[in-house]
């Protein structure tokens, strides 16, 4: 019964009961319902629809995800930062920093991203964003003009954009909570350094411990020398090997 349900996601309880009867097992549809419910198998219509996490895994190579985060300086000014992640490779683009994230400014950051992506923009189908009013129609039009659909997350559902939310959380824990930011220029330099570290050095479990822009080297059996480089006054450690 469980095998029939898993291998035939369009079959309902009565259809499964009929298939069992053809095999010589006379079981009522209500009994089938009870057994499948106990096993945690949903009714037929819900079995054929992928979950949000399944959709993201299946479409990751064609999805961009963006979000805003803020940073308060020592002079009590709040700076807003816009970040975009390529879900397939986990590559991050820190697009810009401003005190006043107006609609035209946000749209210009989207145009800059499309220029940076170049021909690779054709490989993306969706952009995930929340319902923040900073994301105006001008912002959406930049992506829709390139054939990229806009997927808005439900209200108060940060898990729907979990990849960028997790990146922002890691950025705060690893860097912003450990350093005092003076002004926008200082924050740009700090974020540029962290972006390079994240894309070229930081290992990712989803990539088999590789970095978005750096594949893992071949296994080394001989002795090697490991060199550590500290960045941002030792807040970031990067390791390289020398034969």
C-alpha atoms as a PDB file:
ATOM      1  CA  UNK A   1       0.000   0.000   0.000  1.00  0.00           C
ATOM      2  CA  UNK A   2       2.763   2.445   0.903  1.00  0.00           C
ATOM      3  CA  UNK A   3       4.665   1.490  -2.229  1.00  0.00           C
ATOM      4  CA  UNK A   4       1.629   2.140  -4.420  1.00  0.00           C
ATOM      5  CA  UNK A   5       1.142   5.569  -2.830  1.00  0.00           C
ATOM      6  CA  UNK A   6       4.789   6.606  -3.265  1.00  0.00           C
ATOM      7  CA  UNK A   7       5.160   5.330  -6.815  1.00  0.00           C
ATOM      8  CA  UNK A   8       1.820   6.788  -7.972  1.00  0.00           C
ATOM      9  CA  UNK A   9       1.446  10.281  -6.481  1.00  0.00           C
ATOM     10  CA  UNK A  10      -1.733  10.958  -8.519  1.00  0.00           C
ATOM     11  CA  UNK A  11      -3.612   8.010  -7.022  1.00  0.00           C
ATOM     12  CA  UNK A  12      -6.164   8.727  -4.329  1.00  0.00           C
ATOM     13  CA  UNK A  13      -7.315   6.382  -1.561  1.00  0.00           C
ATOM     14  CA  UNK A  14     -10.036   4.697  -3.649  1.00  0.00           C
ATOM     15  CA  UNK A  15      -7.670   4.222  -6.585  1.00  0.00           C
ATOM     16  CA  UNK A  16      -5.145   2.518  -4.318  1.00  0.00           C
ATOM     17  CA  UNK A  17      -7.900   0.361  -2.803  1.00  0.00           C
ATOM     18  CA  UNK A  18      -8.902  -0.661  -6.333  1.00  0.00           C
ATOM     19  CA  UNK A  19      -5.342  -1.585  -7.251  1.00  0.00           C
ATOM     20  CA  UNK A  20      -5.074  -3.669  -4.095  1.00  0.00           C
ATOM     21  CA  UNK A  21      -8.342  -5.445  -4.939  1.00  0.00           C
ATOM     22  CA  UNK A  22      -6.927  -6.342  -8.362  1.00  0.00           C
ATOM     23  CA  UNK A  23      -3.986  -7.930  -6.549  1.00  0.00           C
ATOM     24  CA  UNK A  24      -6.318  -9.965  -4.340  1.00  0.00           C
ATOM     25  CA  UNK A  25      -6.285  -7.702  -1.265  1.00  0.00           C
ATOM     26  CA  UNK A  26      -9.736  -6.369  -0.368  1.00  0.00           C
ATOM     27  CA  UNK A  27      -9.160  -3.238   1.715  1.00  0.00           C
ATOM     28  CA  UNK A  28     -11.618  -0.394   2.141  1.00  0.00           C
ATOM     29  CA  UNK A  29     -10.725   3.157   1.100  1.00  0.00           C
ATOM     30  CA  UNK A  30     -11.118   4.335   4.702  1.00  0.00           C
ATOM     31  CA  UNK A  31      -8.554   1.746   5.794  1.00  0.00           C
ATOM     32  CA  UNK A  32      -6.169   2.937   3.101  1.00  0.00           C
ATOM     33  CA  UNK A  33      -6.658   6.518   4.318  1.00  0.00           C
ATOM     34  CA  UNK A  34      -5.875   5.547   7.908  1.00  0.00           C
ATOM     35  CA  UNK A  35      -2.725   3.616   7.023  1.00  0.00           C
ATOM     36  CA  UNK A  36      -1.351   6.329   4.729  1.00  0.00           C
ATOM     37  CA  UNK A  37      -2.117   9.060   7.250  1.00  0.00           C
ATOM     38  CA  UNK A  38      -0.319   7.094   9.980  1.00  0.00           C
ATOM     39  CA  UNK A  39       2.678   6.744   7.652  1.00  0.00           C
ATOM     40  CA  UNK A  40       2.725  10.507   7.068  1.00  0.00           C
ATOM     41  CA  UNK A  41       1.745  10.317   3.388  1.00  0.00           C
ATOM     42  CA  UNK A  42      -0.443  13.220   2.265  1.00  0.00           C
ATOM     43  CA  UNK A  43      -3.543  12.918   0.059  1.00  0.00           C
ATOM     44  CA  UNK A  44      -2.949  12.758  -3.687  1.00  0.00           C
ATOM     45  CA  UNK A  45      -3.265  16.487  -4.563  1.00  0.00           C
ATOM     46  CA  UNK A  46      -0.658  17.463  -1.946  1.00  0.00           C
ATOM     47  CA  UNK A  47       1.685  14.649  -2.875  1.00  0.00           C
ATOM     48  CA  UNK A  48       2.221  15.981  -6.383  1.00  0.00           C
ATOM     49  CA  UNK A  49       3.032  19.539  -5.309  1.00  0.00           C
ATOM     50  CA  UNK A  50       6.681  20.129  -4.352  1.00  0.00           C
ATOM     51  CA  UNK A  51       7.427  21.829  -1.072  1.00  0.00           C
ATOM     52  CA  UNK A  52       9.197  25.188  -1.048  1.00  0.00           C
ATOM     53  CA  UNK A  53      12.508  23.580  -0.051  1.00  0.00           C
ATOM     54  CA  UNK A  54      12.134  20.970  -2.815  1.00  0.00           C
ATOM     55  CA  UNK A  55      11.435  23.735  -5.328  1.00  0.00           C
ATOM     56  CA  UNK A  56      14.530  25.653  -4.248  1.00  0.00           C
ATOM     57  CA  UNK A  57      16.752  22.572  -4.502  1.00  0.00           C
ATOM     58  CA  UNK A  58      15.375  21.670  -7.928  1.00  0.00           C
ATOM     59  CA  UNK A  59      15.621  25.200  -9.342  1.00  0.00           C
ATOM     60  CA  UNK A  60      18.656  26.482  -7.414  1.00  0.00           C
ATOM     61  CA  UNK A  61      20.838  27.031 -10.473  1.00  0.00           C
ATOM     62  CA  UNK A  62      18.272  29.458 -11.890  1.00  0.00           C
ATOM     63  CA  UNK A  63      17.392  31.410  -8.747  1.00  0.00           C
ATOM     64  CA  UNK A  64      18.644  34.700  -7.349  1.00  0.00           C
ATOM     65  CA  UNK A  65      17.707  35.809  -3.836  1.00  0.00           C
ATOM     66  CA  UNK A  66      18.054  39.333  -2.468  1.00  0.00           C
ATOM     67  CA  UNK A  67      17.519  41.156   0.787  1.00  0.00           C
ATOM     68  CA  UNK A  68      18.360  44.306   2.712  1.00  0.00           C
ATOM     69  CA  UNK A  69      20.209  44.493   5.998  1.00  0.00           C
ATOM     70  CA  UNK A  70      21.315  47.472   8.051  1.00  0.00           C
ATOM     71  CA  UNK A  71      24.387  48.459  10.016  1.00  0.00           C
ATOM     72  CA  UNK A  72      24.595  51.206  12.642  1.00  0.00           C
ATOM     73  CA  UNK A  73      27.810  53.235  12.746  1.00  0.00           C
ATOM     74  CA  UNK A  74      29.606  54.603  15.810  1.00  0.00           C
ATOM     75  CA  UNK A  75      28.196  58.017  14.864  1.00  0.00           C
ATOM     76  CA  UNK A  76      24.630  56.646  15.212  1.00  0.00           C
ATOM     77  CA  UNK A  77      23.876  56.618  11.507  1.00  0.00           C
ATOM     78  CA  UNK A  78      22.022  53.675  10.001  1.00  0.00           C
ATOM     79  CA  UNK A  79      23.335  52.369   6.678  1.00  0.00           C
ATOM     80  CA  UNK A  80      21.312  50.062   4.448  1.00  0.00           C
ATOM     81  CA  UNK A  81      22.980  47.373   2.350  1.00  0.00           C
ATOM     82  CA  UNK A  82      21.534  45.352  -0.539  1.00  0.00           C
ATOM     83  CA  UNK A  83      22.849  41.848  -1.160  1.00  0.00           C
ATOM     84  CA  UNK A  84      22.032  39.250  -3.838  1.00  0.00           C
ATOM     85  CA  UNK A  85      22.948  35.551  -3.737  1.00  0.00           C
ATOM     86  CA  UNK A  86      23.106  33.034  -6.575  1.00  0.00           C
ATOM     87  CA  UNK A  87      21.543  30.001  -4.907  1.00  0.00           C
ATOM     88  CA  UNK A  88      23.152  27.425  -7.186  1.00  0.00           C
ATOM     89  CA  UNK A  89      26.727  28.450  -6.376  1.00  0.00           C
ATOM     90  CA  UNK A  90      26.104  30.463  -3.173  1.00  0.00           C
ATOM     91  CA  UNK A  91      28.023  33.345  -4.764  1.00  0.00           C
ATOM     92  CA  UNK A  92      27.211  36.662  -3.079  1.00  0.00           C
ATOM     93  CA  UNK A  93      27.048  40.144  -4.601  1.00  0.00           C
ATOM     94  CA  UNK A  94      27.030  43.097  -2.199  1.00  0.00           C
ATOM     95  CA  UNK A  95      25.396  45.635  -4.486  1.00  0.00           C
ATOM     96  CA  UNK A  96      25.488  48.880  -2.570  1.00  0.00           C
ATOM     97  CA  UNK A  97      25.351  50.861   0.651  1.00  0.00           C
ATOM     98  CA  UNK A  98      23.315  53.983   1.316  1.00  0.00           C
ATOM     99  CA  UNK A  99      21.659  55.969   4.081  1.00  0.00           C
ATOM    100  CA  UNK A 100      18.546  56.489   1.965  1.00  0.00           C
ATOM    101  CA  UNK A 101      17.481  53.429  -0.068  1.00  0.00           C
ATOM    102  CA  UNK A 102      15.124  55.216  -2.444  1.00  0.00           C
ATOM    103  CA  UNK A 103      13.358  53.540  -5.343  1.00  0.00           C
ATOM    104  CA  UNK A 104      15.681  54.914  -8.052  1.00  0.00           C
ATOM    105  CA  UNK A 105      18.757  53.898  -6.038  1.00  0.00           C
ATOM    106  CA  UNK A 106      17.515  50.334  -5.577  1.00  0.00           C
ATOM    107  CA  UNK A 107      16.635  50.066  -9.275  1.00  0.00           C
ATOM    108  CA  UNK A 108      20.127  51.260 -10.216  1.00  0.00           C
ATOM    109  CA  UNK A 109      21.685  48.535  -8.063  1.00  0.00           C
ATOM    110  CA  UNK A 110      19.602  45.992  -9.970  1.00  0.00           C
ATOM    111  CA  UNK A 111      20.904  47.387 -13.270  1.00  0.00           C
ATOM    112  CA  UNK A 112      24.466  47.188 -11.978  1.00  0.00           C
ATOM    113  CA  UNK A 113      23.916  43.541 -11.063  1.00  0.00           C
ATOM    114  CA  UNK A 114      22.615  42.689 -14.531  1.00  0.00           C
ATOM    115  CA  UNK A 115      25.672  44.350 -16.052  1.00  0.00           C
ATOM    116  CA  UNK A 116      27.936  42.368 -13.728  1.00  0.00           C
ATOM    117  CA  UNK A 117      26.210  39.089 -14.571  1.00  0.00           C
ATOM    118  CA  UNK A 118      26.479  39.755 -18.294  1.00  0.00           C
ATOM    119  CA  UNK A 119      25.592  36.703 -20.380  1.00  0.00           C
ATOM    120  CA  UNK A 120      25.150  34.611 -17.232  1.00  0.00           C
ATOM    121  CA  UNK A 121      21.904  36.500 -16.538  1.00  0.00           C
ATOM    122  CA  UNK A 122      20.212  34.339 -19.184  1.00  0.00           C
ATOM    123  CA  UNK A 123      20.602  31.314 -16.898  1.00  0.00           C
ATOM    124  CA  UNK A 124      18.408  32.743 -14.136  1.00  0.00           C
ATOM    125  CA  UNK A 125      14.631  32.316 -14.075  1.00  0.00           C
ATOM    126  CA  UNK A 126      13.517  33.656 -10.687  1.00  0.00           C
ATOM    127  CA  UNK A 127      14.385  36.323  -8.131  1.00  0.00           C
ATOM    128  CA  UNK A 128      13.252  35.808  -4.542  1.00  0.00           C
ATOM    129  CA  UNK A 129      12.585  38.935  -2.495  1.00  0.00           C
ATOM    130  CA  UNK A 130      10.424  39.970   0.413  1.00  0.00           C
ATOM    131  CA  UNK A 131       7.629  42.534   0.336  1.00  0.00           C
ATOM    132  CA  UNK A 132       9.722  45.456   1.571  1.00  0.00           C
ATOM    133  CA  UNK A 133       8.525  48.727   0.053  1.00  0.00           C
ATOM    134  CA  UNK A 134      12.119  49.479  -0.942  1.00  0.00           C
ATOM    135  CA  UNK A 135      11.649  46.992  -3.782  1.00  0.00           C
ATOM    136  CA  UNK A 136       9.648  49.139  -6.184  1.00  0.00           C
ATOM    137  CA  UNK A 137       8.150  48.395  -9.580  1.00  0.00           C
ATOM    138  CA  UNK A 138      11.268  49.892 -11.197  1.00  0.00           C
ATOM    139  CA  UNK A 139      13.372  47.300  -9.394  1.00  0.00           C
ATOM    140  CA  UNK A 140      11.171  44.423 -10.577  1.00  0.00           C
ATOM    141  CA  UNK A 141      11.109  45.730 -14.150  1.00  0.00           C
ATOM    142  CA  UNK A 142      14.887  45.408 -14.442  1.00  0.00           C
ATOM    143  CA  UNK A 143      14.606  41.649 -13.901  1.00  0.00           C
ATOM    144  CA  UNK A 144      11.367  40.978 -15.736  1.00  0.00           C
ATOM    145  CA  UNK A 145      12.832  42.702 -18.810  1.00  0.00           C
ATOM    146  CA  UNK A 146      15.560  40.034 -18.741  1.00  0.00           C
ATOM    147  CA  UNK A 147      13.015  37.213 -18.429  1.00  0.00           C
ATOM    148  CA  UNK A 148      13.506  36.726 -14.674  1.00  0.00           C
ATOM    149  CA  UNK A 149      10.287  36.250 -12.718  1.00  0.00           C
ATOM    150  CA  UNK A 150       9.761  37.814  -9.296  1.00  0.00           C
ATOM    151  CA  UNK A 151       8.845  35.511  -6.399  1.00  0.00           C
ATOM    152  CA  UNK A 152       7.617  37.426  -3.343  1.00  0.00           C
ATOM    153  CA  UNK A 153       7.919  35.689   0.008  1.00  0.00           C
ATOM    154  CA  UNK A 154       4.863  35.555   2.298  1.00  0.00           C
ATOM    155  CA  UNK A 155       4.600  38.272   4.980  1.00  0.00           C
ATOM    156  CA  UNK A 156       6.672  37.614   8.096  1.00  0.00           C
ATOM    157  CA  UNK A 157       8.203  34.448   6.644  1.00  0.00           C
ATOM    158  CA  UNK A 158      12.001  34.882   6.742  1.00  0.00           C
ATOM    159  CA  UNK A 159      12.497  31.144   6.181  1.00  0.00           C
ATOM    160  CA  UNK A 160      11.142  31.578   2.668  1.00  0.00           C
ATOM    161  CA  UNK A 161      14.341  33.498   1.912  1.00  0.00           C
ATOM    162  CA  UNK A 162      16.498  31.405   4.210  1.00  0.00           C
ATOM    163  CA  UNK A 163      19.691  31.483   2.146  1.00  0.00           C
ATOM    164  CA  UNK A 164      20.220  35.240   2.242  1.00  0.00           C
ATOM    165  CA  UNK A 165      18.867  35.456   5.792  1.00  0.00           C
ATOM    166  CA  UNK A 166      21.454  32.910   6.891  1.00  0.00           C
ATOM    167  CA  UNK A 167      24.221  34.785   5.054  1.00  0.00           C
ATOM    168  CA  UNK A 168      23.243  38.023   6.781  1.00  0.00           C
ATOM    169  CA  UNK A 169      23.195  36.236  10.140  1.00  0.00           C
ATOM    170  CA  UNK A 170      26.653  34.796   9.489  1.00  0.00           C
ATOM    171  CA  UNK A 171      27.941  38.208   8.452  1.00  0.00           C
ATOM    172  CA  UNK A 172      26.765  39.693  11.733  1.00  0.00           C
ATOM    173  CA  UNK A 173      28.162  36.889  13.901  1.00  0.00           C
ATOM    174  CA  UNK A 174      31.504  36.659  12.122  1.00  0.00           C
ATOM    175  CA  UNK A 175      32.130  40.325  11.389  1.00  0.00           C
ATOM    176  CA  UNK A 176      29.717  43.173  12.095  1.00  0.00           C
ATOM    177  CA  UNK A 177      29.184  42.240  15.754  1.00  0.00           C
ATOM    178  CA  UNK A 178      32.972  42.302  16.246  1.00  0.00           C
ATOM    179  CA  UNK A 179      33.934  45.565  14.578  1.00  0.00           C
ATOM    180  CA  UNK A 180      32.966  49.232  14.909  1.00  0.00           C
ATOM    181  CA  UNK A 181      31.918  50.808  11.615  1.00  0.00           C
ATOM    182  CA  UNK A 182      32.787  54.480  11.249  1.00  0.00           C
ATOM    183  CA  UNK A 183      31.018  55.471   8.045  1.00  0.00           C
ATOM    184  CA  UNK A 184      29.774  54.216   4.672  1.00  0.00           C
ATOM    185  CA  UNK A 185      33.262  54.208   3.166  1.00  0.00           C
ATOM    186  CA  UNK A 186      34.536  52.026   6.003  1.00  0.00           C
ATOM    187  CA  UNK A 187      31.595  49.644   5.642  1.00  0.00           C
ATOM    188  CA  UNK A 188      32.153  49.317   1.883  1.00  0.00           C
ATOM    189  CA  UNK A 189      35.768  48.277   2.448  1.00  0.00           C
ATOM    190  CA  UNK A 190      34.800  45.792   5.159  1.00  0.00           C
ATOM    191  CA  UNK A 191      32.006  44.223   3.118  1.00  0.00           C
ATOM    192  CA  UNK A 192      34.162  44.034  -0.011  1.00  0.00           C
ATOM    193  CA  UNK A 193      36.769  42.088   1.956  1.00  0.00           C
ATOM    194  CA  UNK A 194      34.160  39.754   3.418  1.00  0.00           C
ATOM    195  CA  UNK A 195      32.528  39.238   0.014  1.00  0.00           C
ATOM    196  CA  UNK A 196      35.867  38.163  -1.466  1.00  0.00           C
ATOM    197  CA  UNK A 197      36.520  35.875   1.496  1.00  0.00           C
ATOM    198  CA  UNK A 198      33.062  34.299   1.272  1.00  0.00           C
ATOM    199  CA  UNK A 199      33.201  33.732  -2.494  1.00  0.00           C
ATOM    200  CA  UNK A 200      36.810  32.594  -2.821  1.00  0.00           C
ATOM    201  CA  UNK A 201      37.868  31.029   0.489  1.00  0.00           C
ATOM    202  CA  UNK A 202      35.039  30.104   2.839  1.00  0.00           C
ATOM    203  CA  UNK A 203      34.057  26.395   2.572  1.00  0.00           C
ATOM    204  CA  UNK A 204      30.405  25.508   1.988  1.00  0.00           C
ATOM    205  CA  UNK A 205      28.911  22.163   2.959  1.00  0.00           C
ATOM    206  CA  UNK A 206      26.356  22.373   0.149  1.00  0.00           C
ATOM    207  CA  UNK A 207      29.268  22.622  -2.329  1.00  0.00           C
ATOM    208  CA  UNK A 208      31.219  19.712  -0.864  1.00  0.00           C
ATOM    209  CA  UNK A 209      33.363  22.132   1.222  1.00  0.00           C
ATOM    210  CA  UNK A 210      34.386  24.093  -1.880  1.00  0.00           C
ATOM    211  CA  UNK A 211      33.965  27.866  -2.177  1.00  0.00           C
ATOM    212  CA  UNK A 212      31.635  29.470  -4.758  1.00  0.00           C
ATOM    213  CA  UNK A 213      34.544  30.640  -6.917  1.00  0.00           C
ATOM    214  CA  UNK A 214      37.167  28.072  -5.887  1.00  0.00           C
ATOM    215  CA  UNK A 215      37.040  24.337  -6.500  1.00  0.00           C
ATOM    216  CA  UNK A 216      38.678  21.948  -4.063  1.00  0.00           C
ATOM    217  CA  UNK A 217      42.296  21.037  -4.914  1.00  0.00           C
ATOM    218  CA  UNK A 218      43.338  17.477  -5.605  1.00  0.00           C
ATOM    219  CA  UNK A 219      44.112  15.369  -2.513  1.00  0.00           C
ATOM    220  CA  UNK A 220      47.643  15.905  -1.206  1.00  0.00           C
ATOM    221  CA  UNK A 221      49.655  13.023   0.215  1.00  0.00           C
ATOM    222  CA  UNK A 222      53.026  14.731   0.572  1.00  0.00           C
ATOM    223  CA  UNK A 223      53.881  17.251   3.271  1.00  0.00           C
ATOM    224  CA  UNK A 224      52.639  20.746   2.564  1.00  0.00           C
ATOM    225  CA  UNK A 225      53.110  24.139   4.115  1.00  0.00           C
ATOM    226  CA  UNK A 226      49.973  25.982   5.176  1.00  0.00           C
ATOM    227  CA  UNK A 227      50.021  29.773   5.181  1.00  0.00           C
ATOM    228  CA  UNK A 228      47.500  31.766   7.184  1.00  0.00           C
ATOM    229  CA  UNK A 229      46.494  35.250   6.111  1.00  0.00           C
ATOM    230  CA  UNK A 230      44.539  37.480   8.480  1.00  0.00           C
ATOM    231  CA  UNK A 231      42.223  40.158   7.167  1.00  0.00           C
ATOM    232  CA  UNK A 232      40.343  42.979   8.896  1.00  0.00           C
ATOM    233  CA  UNK A 233      42.662  42.914  11.909  1.00  0.00           C
ATOM    234  CA  UNK A 234      42.422  39.161  12.323  1.00  0.00           C
ATOM    235  CA  UNK A 235      38.626  38.846  12.163  1.00  0.00           C
ATOM    236  CA  UNK A 236      38.907  36.746   8.986  1.00  0.00           C
ATOM    237  CA  UNK A 237      41.399  33.903   8.600  1.00  0.00           C
ATOM    238  CA  UNK A 238      42.273  32.497   5.179  1.00  0.00           C
ATOM    239  CA  UNK A 239      44.488  29.467   4.654  1.00  0.00           C
ATOM    240  CA  UNK A 240      46.439  28.531   1.540  1.00  0.00           C
ATOM    241  CA  UNK A 241      48.870  25.696   0.913  1.00  0.00           C
ATOM    242  CA  UNK A 242      52.303  25.777  -0.652  1.00  0.00           C
ATOM    243  CA  UNK A 243      53.927  22.609  -1.966  1.00  0.00           C
END
